[in-house]
Amino acid sequence: MTRQSLKATLSALTIAVATAASLSAVAPTPAHAQLFSIDQDEVDDKSPPVEWDKKRLERLDRNVRKLERAISNYEGKTGKNAGPPALIEPDPEVVALQATVEILSRKVDDQAQQITRLTGQIEEAGFAARQANEKTAGLEARIGTLIQRLDLAEAHLKDIDAALAGPPPPPPTTGTAEGDFNQAYDLLTNGKMEDAERAFTEFTTKWASAPQTPEAWFRLGQIRTVKGDISGSVAAYATSLKGWPKTSWAPEATVKLATALAQTDAPKSCVAISEFNKRYASAASAAIKSQAKALATKGKCS
């Protein structure tokens, strides 16, 4: 291949590279007979800027490689007579693009480092938050325990105060046995068991010979039964039935006495059932009779 044909080939490749890259046409001048270079013609200032996409860059790269191979082939054939190596000036837009890429790459690296630092800070904050939550949970548990202990202590103090103060006094007397009995009975019917018990106890002491006293003992037996005081209820019922009074409450008192005795002294319970059948069964209500019969059957009373 002659120098002139090589020049023609280089000119054609240069034009192809410039066309693919949307650059101005490049052609060698006679003055460059010994030094091959690619000069860009002046570009019209009004021409739009080149937009370098991936496809355009790949095409430019292929054309440049073809140009380099052609130059290498030419230099290899000329041997010692070859002229100075051809110099290909870098494309300014490519250089600018490479610089932009390097700047963006450094920015990406800086941002990656910042993200790494922020991630570390977030992990440290998360660890600190977990530790704070654990401490808070521990404090809440301790506070709950202290509150429970405080409640127990307050309840204990109330019990101590109540024990030191003693039972409250019974209601003031009305001045008559009938008035005091009615006052105690009203407390019982209103559900004030403690006050009623104190009032009836006070009544049996103050008005021991009053006609209402046997019934006061019967009402005390009822209150003690509700409270689960079996021995106290047996004593109250037995006291109320002394002399076997002929009253409306006597049949119920006898059956309740037998019921209480069934838990402590079964033979005496059968004796009470026998007295009920002999003294009160005829005047008792159907419900009381049914209770007495069930008690006799359960206790195997003859």
C-alpha atoms as a PDB file:
ATOM      1  CA  MET A   1       0.000   0.000   0.000  1.00  0.00           C
ATOM      2  CA  THR A   2       1.463   3.397  -1.039  1.00  0.00           C
ATOM      3  CA  ARG A   3       1.555   6.442   1.146  1.00  0.00           C
ATOM      4  CA  GLN A   4      -1.055   8.120  -1.040  1.00  0.00           C
ATOM      5  CA  SER A   5      -3.470   5.168  -0.774  1.00  0.00           C
ATOM      6  CA  LEU A   6      -2.937   5.029   3.003  1.00  0.00           C
ATOM      7  CA  LYS A   7      -3.683   8.701   3.207  1.00  0.00           C
ATOM      8  CA  ALA A   8      -6.879   8.097   1.289  1.00  0.00           C
ATOM      9  CA  THR A   9      -7.831   5.248   3.603  1.00  0.00           C
ATOM     10  CA  LEU A  10      -7.109   7.308   6.718  1.00  0.00           C
ATOM     11  CA  SER A  11      -9.152  10.161   5.345  1.00  0.00           C
ATOM     12  CA  ALA A  12     -12.096   7.847   4.744  1.00  0.00           C
ATOM     13  CA  LEU A  13     -11.890   6.345   8.270  1.00  0.00           C
ATOM     14  CA  THR A  14     -11.538   9.783   9.787  1.00  0.00           C
ATOM     15  CA  ILE A  15     -14.677  10.927   8.012  1.00  0.00           C
ATOM     16  CA  ALA A  16     -16.497   7.789   9.229  1.00  0.00           C
ATOM     17  CA  VAL A  17     -15.443   8.408  12.854  1.00  0.00           C
ATOM     18  CA  ALA A  18     -16.483  12.021  12.657  1.00  0.00           C
ATOM     19  CA  THR A  19     -19.853  11.130  11.152  1.00  0.00           C
ATOM     20  CA  ALA A  20     -20.580   8.466  13.793  1.00  0.00           C
ATOM     21  CA  ALA A  21     -19.735  10.878  16.569  1.00  0.00           C
ATOM     22  CA  SER A  22     -21.621  13.789  14.971  1.00  0.00           C
ATOM     23  CA  LEU A  23     -18.381  15.704  14.793  1.00  0.00           C
ATOM     24  CA  SER A  24     -17.212  17.869  11.873  1.00  0.00           C
ATOM     25  CA  ALA A  25     -15.346  16.112   9.025  1.00  0.00           C
ATOM     26  CA  VAL A  26     -11.623  15.580   9.600  1.00  0.00           C
ATOM     27  CA  ALA A  27      -9.115  15.328   6.701  1.00  0.00           C
ATOM     28  CA  PRO A  28      -5.281  15.399   6.659  1.00  0.00           C
ATOM     29  CA  THR A  29      -3.516  18.338   4.931  1.00  0.00           C
ATOM     30  CA  PRO A  30      -0.427  18.178   2.689  1.00  0.00           C
ATOM     31  CA  ALA A  31       1.616  19.731   5.462  1.00  0.00           C
ATOM     32  CA  HIS A  32       1.156  16.566   7.443  1.00  0.00           C
ATOM     33  CA  ALA A  33       2.941  14.329   5.033  1.00  0.00           C
ATOM     34  CA  GLN A  34       5.187  12.867   7.766  1.00  0.00           C
ATOM     35  CA  LEU A  35       2.923  13.372  10.846  1.00  0.00           C
ATOM     36  CA  PHE A  36      -0.599  11.995  10.750  1.00  0.00           C
ATOM     37  CA  SER A  37      -3.068  13.853  12.893  1.00  0.00           C
ATOM     38  CA  ILE A  38      -6.793  14.340  12.946  1.00  0.00           C
ATOM     39  CA  ASP A  39      -7.883  17.953  13.150  1.00  0.00           C
ATOM     40  CA  GLN A  40     -11.485  18.983  13.643  1.00  0.00           C
ATOM     41  CA  ASP A  41     -12.766  21.662  11.347  1.00  0.00           C
ATOM     42  CA  GLU A  42     -14.316  24.556  12.997  1.00  0.00           C
ATOM     43  CA  VAL A  43     -17.830  23.711  14.008  1.00  0.00           C
ATOM     44  CA  ASP A  44     -20.624  26.069  13.348  1.00  0.00           C
ATOM     45  CA  ASP A  45     -21.453  27.781  16.628  1.00  0.00           C
ATOM     46  CA  LYS A  46     -25.144  27.355  15.877  1.00  0.00           C
ATOM     47  CA  SER A  47     -24.971  23.563  15.545  1.00  0.00           C
ATOM     48  CA  PRO A  48     -26.662  21.627  18.389  1.00  0.00           C
ATOM     49  CA  PRO A  49     -24.404  19.947  20.979  1.00  0.00           C
ATOM     50  CA  VAL A  50     -23.606  16.276  20.490  1.00  0.00           C
ATOM     51  CA  GLU A  51     -25.566  13.932  22.725  1.00  0.00           C
ATOM     52  CA  TRP A  52     -23.368  10.966  23.584  1.00  0.00           C
ATOM     53  CA  ASP A  53     -25.377   7.853  24.173  1.00  0.00           C
ATOM     54  CA  LYS A  54     -24.092   4.307  24.562  1.00  0.00           C
ATOM     55  CA  LYS A  55     -24.662   3.321  20.946  1.00  0.00           C
ATOM     56  CA  ARG A  56     -22.865   6.404  19.587  1.00  0.00           C
ATOM     57  CA  LEU A  57     -19.853   5.836  21.857  1.00  0.00           C
ATOM     58  CA  GLU A  58     -19.581   2.175  20.832  1.00  0.00           C
ATOM     59  CA  ARG A  59     -19.620   3.161  17.154  1.00  0.00           C
ATOM     60  CA  LEU A  60     -16.922   5.773  17.749  1.00  0.00           C
ATOM     61  CA  ASP A  61     -14.790   3.235  19.610  1.00  0.00           C
ATOM     62  CA  ARG A  62     -15.020   0.730  16.731  1.00  0.00           C
ATOM     63  CA  ASN A  63     -14.027   3.338  14.146  1.00  0.00           C
ATOM     64  CA  VAL A  64     -11.061   4.515  16.210  1.00  0.00           C
ATOM     65  CA  ARG A  65      -9.837   0.928  16.568  1.00  0.00           C
ATOM     66  CA  LYS A  66     -10.065   0.456  12.781  1.00  0.00           C
ATOM     67  CA  LEU A  67      -8.002   3.609  12.324  1.00  0.00           C
ATOM     68  CA  GLU A  68      -5.386   2.409  14.797  1.00  0.00           C
ATOM     69  CA  ARG A  69      -5.105  -0.976  13.065  1.00  0.00           C
ATOM     70  CA  ALA A  70      -4.690   0.681   9.650  1.00  0.00           C
ATOM     71  CA  ILE A  71      -1.908   2.897  10.983  1.00  0.00           C
ATOM     72  CA  SER A  72      -0.183  -0.056  12.619  1.00  0.00           C
ATOM     73  CA  ASN A  73      -0.334  -2.037   9.358  1.00  0.00           C
ATOM     74  CA  TYR A  74       1.149   0.854   7.457  1.00  0.00           C
ATOM     75  CA  GLU A  75       4.006   1.340   9.903  1.00  0.00           C
ATOM     76  CA  GLY A  76       4.734  -2.363   9.887  1.00  0.00           C
ATOM     77  CA  LYS A  77       5.071  -2.458   6.079  1.00  0.00           C
ATOM     78  CA  THR A  78       7.283   0.608   5.702  1.00  0.00           C
ATOM     79  CA  GLY A  79       9.811  -0.716   8.205  1.00  0.00           C
ATOM     80  CA  LYS A  80      12.900   1.413   8.641  1.00  0.00           C
ATOM     81  CA  ASN A  81      11.649   3.941   6.109  1.00  0.00           C
ATOM     82  CA  ALA A  82       8.534   4.620   8.056  1.00  0.00           C
ATOM     83  CA  GLY A  83       7.833   8.115   9.102  1.00  0.00           C
ATOM     84  CA  PRO A  84       7.142   9.226  12.640  1.00  0.00           C
ATOM     85  CA  PRO A  85       4.190   7.514  14.311  1.00  0.00           C
ATOM     86  CA  ALA A  86       0.776   8.907  13.639  1.00  0.00           C
ATOM     87  CA  LEU A  87      -0.709  10.901  16.423  1.00  0.00           C
ATOM     88  CA  ILE A  88      -4.440  10.938  16.987  1.00  0.00           C
ATOM     89  CA  GLU A  89      -5.591  13.907  18.982  1.00  0.00           C
ATOM     90  CA  PRO A  90      -8.204  13.047  21.655  1.00  0.00           C
ATOM     91  CA  ASP A  91     -11.702  14.237  21.027  1.00  0.00           C
ATOM     92  CA  PRO A  92     -12.450  17.212  23.330  1.00  0.00           C
ATOM     93  CA  GLU A  93     -16.004  16.075  23.929  1.00  0.00           C
ATOM     94  CA  VAL A  94     -14.828  12.596  24.887  1.00  0.00           C
ATOM     95  CA  VAL A  95     -12.289  14.090  27.279  1.00  0.00           C
ATOM     96  CA  ALA A  96     -14.961  16.295  28.786  1.00  0.00           C
ATOM     97  CA  LEU A  97     -17.286  13.323  29.104  1.00  0.00           C
ATOM     98  CA  GLN A  98     -14.572  11.283  30.830  1.00  0.00           C
ATOM     99  CA  ALA A  99     -13.919  14.146  33.250  1.00  0.00           C
ATOM    100  CA  THR A 100     -17.642  14.376  34.011  1.00  0.00           C
ATOM    101  CA  VAL A 101     -17.792  10.634  34.619  1.00  0.00           C
ATOM    102  CA  GLU A 102     -14.815  10.853  36.987  1.00  0.00           C
ATOM    103  CA  ILE A 103     -16.451  13.713  38.895  1.00  0.00           C
ATOM    104  CA  LEU A 104     -19.735  11.799  39.179  1.00  0.00           C
ATOM    105  CA  SER A 105     -17.845   8.681  40.241  1.00  0.00           C
ATOM    106  CA  ARG A 106     -16.113  10.619  43.031  1.00  0.00           C
ATOM    107  CA  LYS A 107     -19.466  12.035  44.122  1.00  0.00           C
ATOM    108  CA  VAL A 108     -20.977   8.540  44.189  1.00  0.00           C
ATOM    109  CA  ASP A 109     -18.021   7.325  46.283  1.00  0.00           C
ATOM    110  CA  ASP A 110     -18.455  10.249  48.672  1.00  0.00           C
ATOM    111  CA  GLN A 111     -22.176   9.550  48.984  1.00  0.00           C
ATOM    112  CA  ALA A 112     -21.468   5.849  49.592  1.00  0.00           C
ATOM    113  CA  GLN A 113     -19.106   6.798  52.408  1.00  0.00           C
ATOM    114  CA  GLN A 114     -21.716   9.147  53.861  1.00  0.00           C
ATOM    115  CA  ILE A 115     -24.345   6.380  53.684  1.00  0.00           C
ATOM    116  CA  THR A 116     -21.925   4.012  55.434  1.00  0.00           C
ATOM    117  CA  ARG A 117     -21.355   6.563  58.210  1.00  0.00           C
ATOM    118  CA  LEU A 118     -25.096   7.233  58.546  1.00  0.00           C
ATOM    119  CA  THR A 119     -25.796   3.493  58.658  1.00  0.00           C
ATOM    120  CA  GLY A 120     -23.312   3.137  61.497  1.00  0.00           C
ATOM    121  CA  GLN A 121     -24.889   6.044  63.355  1.00  0.00           C
ATOM    122  CA  ILE A 122     -28.368   4.557  62.870  1.00  0.00           C
ATOM    123  CA  GLU A 123     -27.190   1.192  64.200  1.00  0.00           C
ATOM    124  CA  GLU A 124     -25.641   2.881  67.234  1.00  0.00           C
ATOM    125  CA  ALA A 125     -28.852   4.837  67.839  1.00  0.00           C
ATOM    126  CA  GLY A 126     -30.909   1.647  67.505  1.00  0.00           C
ATOM    127  CA  PHE A 127     -28.680  -0.149  70.013  1.00  0.00           C
ATOM    128  CA  ALA A 128     -28.964   2.773  72.435  1.00  0.00           C
ATOM    129  CA  ALA A 129     -32.765   2.787  71.985  1.00  0.00           C
ATOM    130  CA  ARG A 130     -32.973  -0.947  72.716  1.00  0.00           C
ATOM    131  CA  GLN A 131     -30.893  -0.491  75.858  1.00  0.00           C
ATOM    132  CA  ALA A 132     -33.126   2.385  76.933  1.00  0.00           C
ATOM    133  CA  ASN A 133     -36.248   0.268  76.335  1.00  0.00           C
ATOM    134  CA  GLU A 134     -34.802  -2.583  78.384  1.00  0.00           C
ATOM    135  CA  LYS A 135     -33.970  -0.206  81.233  1.00  0.00           C
ATOM    136  CA  THR A 136     -37.449   1.313  81.025  1.00  0.00           C
ATOM    137  CA  ALA A 137     -39.070  -2.125  81.163  1.00  0.00           C
ATOM    138  CA  GLY A 138     -36.960  -3.034  84.188  1.00  0.00           C
ATOM    139  CA  LEU A 139     -37.898   0.196  85.938  1.00  0.00           C
ATOM    140  CA  GLU A 140     -41.592  -0.351  85.173  1.00  0.00           C
ATOM    141  CA  ALA A 141     -41.413  -3.859  86.640  1.00  0.00           C
ATOM    142  CA  ARG A 142     -39.706  -2.543  89.775  1.00  0.00           C
ATOM    143  CA  ILE A 143     -42.255   0.257  90.096  1.00  0.00           C
ATOM    144  CA  GLY A 144     -45.095  -2.266  89.753  1.00  0.00           C
ATOM    145  CA  THR A 145     -43.554  -4.414  92.482  1.00  0.00           C
ATOM    146  CA  LEU A 146     -43.121  -1.406  94.756  1.00  0.00           C
ATOM    147  CA  ILE A 147     -46.736  -0.343  94.179  1.00  0.00           C
ATOM    148  CA  GLN A 148     -47.969  -3.824  95.122  1.00  0.00           C
ATOM    149  CA  ARG A 149     -45.830  -3.785  98.248  1.00  0.00           C
ATOM    150  CA  LEU A 150     -47.124  -0.331  99.100  1.00  0.00           C
ATOM    151  CA  ASP A 151     -50.739  -1.486  98.685  1.00  0.00           C
ATOM    152  CA  LEU A 152     -50.086  -4.467 100.944  1.00  0.00           C
ATOM    153  CA  ALA A 153     -48.420  -2.226 103.508  1.00  0.00           C
ATOM    154  CA  GLU A 154     -51.357   0.188 103.458  1.00  0.00           C
ATOM    155  CA  ALA A 155     -53.840  -2.672 103.891  1.00  0.00           C
ATOM    156  CA  HIS A 156     -51.761  -4.027 106.775  1.00  0.00           C
ATOM    157  CA  LEU A 157     -51.667  -0.613 108.402  1.00  0.00           C
ATOM    158  CA  LYS A 158     -55.446  -0.371 108.099  1.00  0.00           C
ATOM    159  CA  ASP A 159     -55.787  -3.752 109.807  1.00  0.00           C
ATOM    160  CA  ILE A 160     -53.464  -2.610 112.575  1.00  0.00           C
ATOM    161  CA  ASP A 161     -55.400   0.623 112.994  1.00  0.00           C
ATOM    162  CA  ALA A 162     -58.665  -1.299 113.127  1.00  0.00           C
ATOM    163  CA  ALA A 163     -57.252  -3.717 115.716  1.00  0.00           C
ATOM    164  CA  LEU A 164     -55.924  -0.897 117.858  1.00  0.00           C
ATOM    165  CA  ALA A 165     -59.143   1.070 117.590  1.00  0.00           C
ATOM    166  CA  GLY A 166     -61.319  -1.900 118.518  1.00  0.00           C
ATOM    167  CA  PRO A 167     -64.824  -2.525 117.216  1.00  0.00           C
ATOM    168  CA  PRO A 168     -66.997   0.519 116.705  1.00  0.00           C
ATOM    169  CA  PRO A 169     -69.587   1.075 119.379  1.00  0.00           C
ATOM    170  CA  PRO A 170     -73.131  -0.164 118.825  1.00  0.00           C
ATOM    171  CA  PRO A 171     -75.752   2.344 117.787  1.00  0.00           C
ATOM    172  CA  PRO A 172     -77.026   4.504 120.610  1.00  0.00           C
ATOM    173  CA  THR A 173     -79.895   3.058 122.578  1.00  0.00           C
ATOM    174  CA  THR A 174     -83.406   4.256 122.007  1.00  0.00           C
ATOM    175  CA  GLY A 175     -84.184   3.822 125.685  1.00  0.00           C
ATOM    176  CA  THR A 176     -86.602   0.901 125.228  1.00  0.00           C
ATOM    177  CA  ALA A 177     -86.148  -2.802 124.471  1.00  0.00           C
ATOM    178  CA  GLU A 178     -88.594  -2.650 121.601  1.00  0.00           C
ATOM    179  CA  GLY A 179     -86.881   0.412 120.106  1.00  0.00           C
ATOM    180  CA  ASP A 180     -83.407  -1.130 120.377  1.00  0.00           C
ATOM    181  CA  PHE A 181     -84.595  -4.431 118.862  1.00  0.00           C
ATOM    182  CA  ASN A 182     -86.275  -2.700 115.948  1.00  0.00           C
ATOM    183  CA  GLN A 183     -83.129  -0.624 115.398  1.00  0.00           C
ATOM    184  CA  ALA A 184     -80.955  -3.781 115.263  1.00  0.00           C
ATOM    185  CA  TYR A 185     -83.445  -5.547 112.997  1.00  0.00           C
ATOM    186  CA  ASP A 186     -83.433  -2.618 110.559  1.00  0.00           C
ATOM    187  CA  LEU A 187     -79.654  -2.880 110.322  1.00  0.00           C
ATOM    188  CA  LEU A 188     -79.964  -6.588 109.503  1.00  0.00           C
ATOM    189  CA  THR A 189     -82.587  -6.132 106.795  1.00  0.00           C
ATOM    190  CA  ASN A 190     -80.455  -3.366 105.212  1.00  0.00           C
ATOM    191  CA  GLY A 191     -77.504  -5.772 104.891  1.00  0.00           C
ATOM    192  CA  LYS A 192     -75.337  -4.113 107.546  1.00  0.00           C
ATOM    193  CA  MET A 193     -74.287  -7.410 109.116  1.00  0.00           C
ATOM    194  CA  GLU A 194     -71.472  -6.107 111.308  1.00  0.00           C
ATOM    195  CA  ASP A 195     -73.557  -3.287 112.762  1.00  0.00           C
ATOM    196  CA  ALA A 196     -76.551  -5.601 113.236  1.00  0.00           C
ATOM    197  CA  GLU A 197     -74.420  -8.193 115.035  1.00  0.00           C
ATOM    198  CA  ARG A 198     -73.076  -5.560 117.444  1.00  0.00           C
ATOM    199  CA  ALA A 199     -76.591  -4.183 117.996  1.00  0.00           C
ATOM    200  CA  PHE A 200     -78.137  -7.609 118.734  1.00  0.00           C
ATOM    201  CA  THR A 201     -75.190  -8.583 120.976  1.00  0.00           C
ATOM    202  CA  GLU A 202     -75.613  -5.329 122.882  1.00  0.00           C
ATOM    203  CA  PHE A 203     -79.354  -5.994 123.090  1.00  0.00           C
ATOM    204  CA  THR A 204     -78.937  -9.496 124.624  1.00  0.00           C
ATOM    205  CA  THR A 205     -76.689  -7.972 127.282  1.00  0.00           C
ATOM    206  CA  LYS A 206     -78.697  -4.862 128.061  1.00  0.00           C
ATOM    207  CA  TRP A 207     -82.181  -6.381 127.730  1.00  0.00           C
ATOM    208  CA  ALA A 208     -81.549  -9.969 128.839  1.00  0.00           C
ATOM    209  CA  SER A 209     -85.098 -10.399 130.253  1.00  0.00           C
ATOM    210  CA  ALA A 210     -86.988  -8.631 127.483  1.00  0.00           C
ATOM    211  CA  PRO A 211     -89.509 -10.643 125.463  1.00  0.00           C
ATOM    212  CA  GLN A 212     -87.549  -9.868 122.273  1.00  0.00           C
ATOM    213  CA  THR A 213     -84.310 -11.403 123.608  1.00  0.00           C
ATOM    214  CA  PRO A 214     -84.928 -15.002 122.315  1.00  0.00           C
ATOM    215  CA  GLU A 215     -85.522 -13.639 118.827  1.00  0.00           C
ATOM    216  CA  ALA A 216     -82.408 -11.462 119.176  1.00  0.00           C
ATOM    217  CA  TRP A 217     -80.441 -14.697 119.766  1.00  0.00           C
ATOM    218  CA  PHE A 218     -82.105 -16.263 116.718  1.00  0.00           C
ATOM    219  CA  ARG A 219     -81.061 -13.286 114.568  1.00  0.00           C
ATOM    220  CA  LEU A 220     -77.520 -13.562 115.932  1.00  0.00           C
ATOM    221  CA  GLY A 221     -77.564 -17.251 114.878  1.00  0.00           C
ATOM    222  CA  GLN A 222     -78.551 -16.206 111.322  1.00  0.00           C
ATOM    223  CA  ILE A 223     -75.768 -13.621 111.132  1.00  0.00           C
ATOM    224  CA  ARG A 224     -73.138 -16.097 112.376  1.00  0.00           C
ATOM    225  CA  THR A 225     -74.307 -18.744 109.920  1.00  0.00           C
ATOM    226  CA  VAL A 226     -73.802 -16.303 107.040  1.00  0.00           C
ATOM    227  CA  LYS A 227     -70.311 -15.495 108.379  1.00  0.00           C
ATOM    228  CA  GLY A 228     -69.434 -19.206 108.647  1.00  0.00           C
ATOM    229  CA  ASP A 229     -69.193 -19.200 112.441  1.00  0.00           C
ATOM    230  CA  ILE A 230     -70.716 -22.659 113.012  1.00  0.00           C
ATOM    231  CA  SER A 231     -70.027 -23.003 116.733  1.00  0.00           C
ATOM    232  CA  GLY A 232     -71.253 -19.434 117.350  1.00  0.00           C
ATOM    233  CA  SER A 233     -74.445 -20.084 115.405  1.00  0.00           C
ATOM    234  CA  VAL A 234     -75.117 -23.340 117.358  1.00  0.00           C
ATOM    235  CA  ALA A 235     -74.812 -21.422 120.644  1.00  0.00           C
ATOM    236  CA  ALA A 236     -77.099 -18.611 119.433  1.00  0.00           C
ATOM    237  CA  TYR A 237     -79.808 -20.969 118.071  1.00  0.00           C
ATOM    238  CA  ALA A 238     -79.724 -23.124 121.189  1.00  0.00           C
ATOM    239  CA  THR A 239     -80.065 -20.060 123.421  1.00  0.00           C
ATOM    240  CA  SER A 240     -82.982 -18.734 121.383  1.00  0.00           C
ATOM    241  CA  LEU A 241     -84.831 -22.098 121.771  1.00  0.00           C
ATOM    242  CA  LYS A 242     -84.562 -22.328 125.546  1.00  0.00           C
ATOM    243  CA  GLY A 243     -88.008 -23.278 126.865  1.00  0.00           C
ATOM    244  CA  TRP A 244     -89.139 -24.088 123.278  1.00  0.00           C
ATOM    245  CA  PRO A 245     -90.933 -20.830 122.599  1.00  0.00           C
ATOM    246  CA  LYS A 246     -94.132 -20.822 120.563  1.00  0.00           C
ATOM    247  CA  THR A 247     -93.199 -18.191 118.044  1.00  0.00           C
ATOM    248  CA  SER A 248     -93.250 -17.897 114.246  1.00  0.00           C
ATOM    249  CA  TRP A 249     -89.489 -18.131 113.969  1.00  0.00           C
ATOM    250  CA  ALA A 250     -89.055 -21.146 116.322  1.00  0.00           C
ATOM    251  CA  PRO A 251     -89.554 -23.874 113.608  1.00  0.00           C
ATOM    252  CA  GLU A 252     -86.871 -22.249 111.402  1.00  0.00           C
ATOM    253  CA  ALA A 253     -84.524 -21.835 114.381  1.00  0.00           C
ATOM    254  CA  THR A 254     -84.856 -25.542 115.228  1.00  0.00           C
ATOM    255  CA  VAL A 255     -84.066 -26.716 111.675  1.00  0.00           C
ATOM    256  CA  LYS A 256     -81.132 -24.285 111.417  1.00  0.00           C
ATOM    257  CA  LEU A 257     -79.829 -25.605 114.761  1.00  0.00           C
ATOM    258  CA  ALA A 258     -80.048 -29.166 113.377  1.00  0.00           C
ATOM    259  CA  THR A 259     -78.243 -28.069 110.193  1.00  0.00           C
ATOM    260  CA  ALA A 260     -75.376 -26.513 112.170  1.00  0.00           C
ATOM    261  CA  LEU A 261     -75.131 -29.535 114.490  1.00  0.00           C
ATOM    262  CA  ALA A 262     -74.925 -31.866 111.464  1.00  0.00           C
ATOM    263  CA  GLN A 263     -71.471 -30.380 110.790  1.00  0.00           C
ATOM    264  CA  THR A 264     -70.198 -30.758 114.346  1.00  0.00           C
ATOM    265  CA  ASP A 265     -72.339 -33.359 116.212  1.00  0.00           C
ATOM    266  CA  ALA A 266     -74.543 -35.600 114.044  1.00  0.00           C
ATOM    267  CA  PRO A 267     -76.406 -37.364 116.924  1.00  0.00           C
ATOM    268  CA  LYS A 268     -77.470 -34.028 118.409  1.00  0.00           C
ATOM    269  CA  SER A 269     -78.622 -32.959 114.953  1.00  0.00           C
ATOM    270  CA  CYS A 270     -81.036 -35.913 114.916  1.00  0.00           C
ATOM    271  CA  VAL A 271     -82.266 -34.901 118.391  1.00  0.00           C
ATOM    272  CA  ALA A 272     -83.036 -31.416 117.093  1.00  0.00           C
ATOM    273  CA  ILE A 273     -84.933 -32.917 114.113  1.00  0.00           C
ATOM    274  CA  SER A 274     -86.916 -35.069 116.515  1.00  0.00           C
ATOM    275  CA  GLU A 275     -87.854 -32.002 118.599  1.00  0.00           C
ATOM    276  CA  PHE A 276     -88.868 -30.180 115.441  1.00  0.00           C
ATOM    277  CA  ASN A 277     -91.177 -33.032 114.383  1.00  0.00           C
ATOM    278  CA  LYS A 278     -92.691 -33.177 117.855  1.00  0.00           C
ATOM    279  CA  ARG A 279     -93.074 -29.453 118.569  1.00  0.00           C
ATOM    280  CA  TYR A 280     -93.086 -27.427 115.343  1.00  0.00           C
ATOM    281  CA  ALA A 281     -93.723 -29.610 112.274  1.00  0.00           C
ATOM    282  CA  SER A 282     -97.477 -29.009 112.271  1.00  0.00           C
ATOM    283  CA  ALA A 283     -97.089 -25.235 112.224  1.00  0.00           C
ATOM    284  CA  ALA A 284     -93.993 -25.057 110.000  1.00  0.00           C
ATOM    285  CA  SER A 285     -94.019 -23.991 106.360  1.00  0.00           C
ATOM    286  CA  ALA A 286     -93.596 -26.498 103.568  1.00  0.00           C
ATOM    287  CA  ALA A 287     -90.054 -25.267 102.871  1.00  0.00           C
ATOM    288  CA  ILE A 288     -88.964 -25.766 106.492  1.00  0.00           C
ATOM    289  CA  LYS A 289     -90.556 -29.242 106.559  1.00  0.00           C
ATOM    290  CA  SER A 290     -88.708 -30.176 103.375  1.00  0.00           C
ATOM    291  CA  GLN A 291     -85.379 -29.047 104.856  1.00  0.00           C
ATOM    292  CA  ALA A 292     -86.026 -31.070 108.018  1.00  0.00           C
ATOM    293  CA  LYS A 293     -86.887 -34.196 106.014  1.00  0.00           C
ATOM    294  CA  ALA A 294     -83.768 -33.870 103.844  1.00  0.00           C
ATOM    295  CA  LEU A 295     -81.627 -33.429 106.946  1.00  0.00           C
ATOM    296  CA  ALA A 296     -83.118 -36.521 108.610  1.00  0.00           C
ATOM    297  CA  THR A 297     -82.504 -38.594 105.490  1.00  0.00           C
ATOM    298  CA  LYS A 298     -78.923 -37.395 105.100  1.00  0.00           C
ATOM    299  CA  GLY A 299     -78.158 -37.925 108.802  1.00  0.00           C
ATOM    300  CA  LYS A 300     -79.987 -41.312 108.816  1.00  0.00           C
ATOM    301  CA  CYS A 301     -82.079 -40.154 111.732  1.00  0.00           C
ATOM    302  CA  SER A 302     -84.625 -42.771 112.870  1.00  0.00           C
END
